[in-house]
Amino acid sequence: MIHERNRVALARLIDPLEAGSARWGNALTDSARNMLLMEVGRRSRAYWAYWAWDEQV
């Protein structure tokens, strides 16, 4: 179970991703979101820094 405080924090991260990919369909949206979040973790980069990632990254 996710604590409410964590749920709010996660929503702030995930909601814009889901809004931007709403027309893609659930499977593709889920896949893109999960891939992005895995890369954030793998690279140990702040999520907000994602917006500053260049195309190569």
C-alpha atoms as a PDB file:
ATOM      1  CA  MET A   1       0.000   0.000   0.000  1.00  0.00           C
ATOM      2  CA  ILE A   2       1.255   3.468  -0.874  1.00  0.00           C
ATOM      3  CA  HIS A   3       1.169   6.094   1.869  1.00  0.00           C
ATOM      4  CA  GLU A   4      -1.008   9.087   0.912  1.00  0.00           C
ATOM      5  CA  ARG A   5       1.954  11.497   1.032  1.00  0.00           C
ATOM      6  CA  ASN A   6       3.841   9.304  -1.419  1.00  0.00           C
ATOM      7  CA  ARG A   7       0.759   8.917  -3.606  1.00  0.00           C
ATOM      8  CA  VAL A   8       0.531  12.722  -3.946  1.00  0.00           C
ATOM      9  CA  ALA A   9       4.241  12.999  -4.783  1.00  0.00           C
ATOM     10  CA  LEU A  10       3.982  10.232  -7.383  1.00  0.00           C
ATOM     11  CA  ALA A  11       0.912  11.840  -8.939  1.00  0.00           C
ATOM     12  CA  ARG A  12       2.853  15.090  -9.387  1.00  0.00           C
ATOM     13  CA  LEU A  13       5.434  13.133 -11.385  1.00  0.00           C
ATOM     14  CA  ILE A  14       3.185  10.795 -13.327  1.00  0.00           C
ATOM     15  CA  ASP A  15       0.135  12.946 -14.121  1.00  0.00           C
ATOM     16  CA  PRO A  16       1.952  15.122 -16.713  1.00  0.00           C
ATOM     17  CA  LEU A  17       3.302  12.004 -18.417  1.00  0.00           C
ATOM     18  CA  GLU A  18      -0.136  10.461 -18.611  1.00  0.00           C
ATOM     19  CA  ALA A  19      -1.670  13.711 -19.853  1.00  0.00           C
ATOM     20  CA  GLY A  20       0.919  13.982 -22.618  1.00  0.00           C
ATOM     21  CA  SER A  21       0.430  10.409 -23.746  1.00  0.00           C
ATOM     22  CA  ALA A  22      -3.337  10.097 -23.234  1.00  0.00           C
ATOM     23  CA  ARG A  23      -4.020   9.361 -26.898  1.00  0.00           C
ATOM     24  CA  TRP A  24      -1.430   6.612 -27.131  1.00  0.00           C
ATOM     25  CA  GLY A  25      -3.464   3.876 -25.472  1.00  0.00           C
ATOM     26  CA  ASN A  26      -2.914   2.327 -22.077  1.00  0.00           C
ATOM     27  CA  ALA A  27      -0.205  -0.185 -22.983  1.00  0.00           C
ATOM     28  CA  LEU A  28       2.019   2.341 -24.762  1.00  0.00           C
ATOM     29  CA  THR A  29       1.429   5.011 -22.096  1.00  0.00           C
ATOM     30  CA  ASP A  30       2.334   2.558 -19.338  1.00  0.00           C
ATOM     31  CA  SER A  31       5.410   1.387 -21.222  1.00  0.00           C
ATOM     32  CA  ALA A  32       6.686   4.927 -21.879  1.00  0.00           C
ATOM     33  CA  ARG A  33       6.096   5.982 -18.273  1.00  0.00           C
ATOM     34  CA  ASN A  34       7.836   2.924 -16.875  1.00  0.00           C
ATOM     35  CA  MET A  35      10.784   3.298 -19.252  1.00  0.00           C
ATOM     36  CA  LEU A  36      11.237   6.934 -18.291  1.00  0.00           C
ATOM     37  CA  LEU A  37      11.071   6.205 -14.567  1.00  0.00           C
ATOM     38  CA  MET A  38      13.500   3.285 -14.917  1.00  0.00           C
ATOM     39  CA  GLU A  39      15.974   5.567 -16.726  1.00  0.00           C
ATOM     40  CA  VAL A  40      15.639   8.184 -13.996  1.00  0.00           C
ATOM     41  CA  GLY A  41      16.579   5.518 -11.458  1.00  0.00           C
ATOM     42  CA  ARG A  42      19.302   3.957 -13.579  1.00  0.00           C
ATOM     43  CA  ARG A  43      20.970   7.298 -14.227  1.00  0.00           C
ATOM     44  CA  SER A  44      20.408   8.508 -10.658  1.00  0.00           C
ATOM     45  CA  ARG A  45      19.130  11.795 -12.055  1.00  0.00           C
ATOM     46  CA  ALA A  46      16.397  13.916 -10.610  1.00  0.00           C
ATOM     47  CA  TYR A  47      13.116  13.440 -12.416  1.00  0.00           C
ATOM     48  CA  TRP A  48      12.696  17.175 -12.978  1.00  0.00           C
ATOM     49  CA  ALA A  49      16.019  17.152 -14.794  1.00  0.00           C
ATOM     50  CA  TYR A  50      14.320  14.947 -17.405  1.00  0.00           C
ATOM     51  CA  TRP A  51      12.924  18.061 -19.025  1.00  0.00           C
ATOM     52  CA  ALA A  52      16.481  19.258 -19.621  1.00  0.00           C
ATOM     53  CA  TRP A  53      17.714  15.953 -21.105  1.00  0.00           C
ATOM     54  CA  ASP A  54      18.892  16.346 -24.656  1.00  0.00           C
ATOM     55  CA  GLU A  55      17.568  14.162 -27.468  1.00  0.00           C
ATOM     56  CA  GLN A  56      20.540  11.773 -27.307  1.00  0.00           C
ATOM     57  CA  VAL A  57      19.895  11.003 -23.621  1.00  0.00           C
END
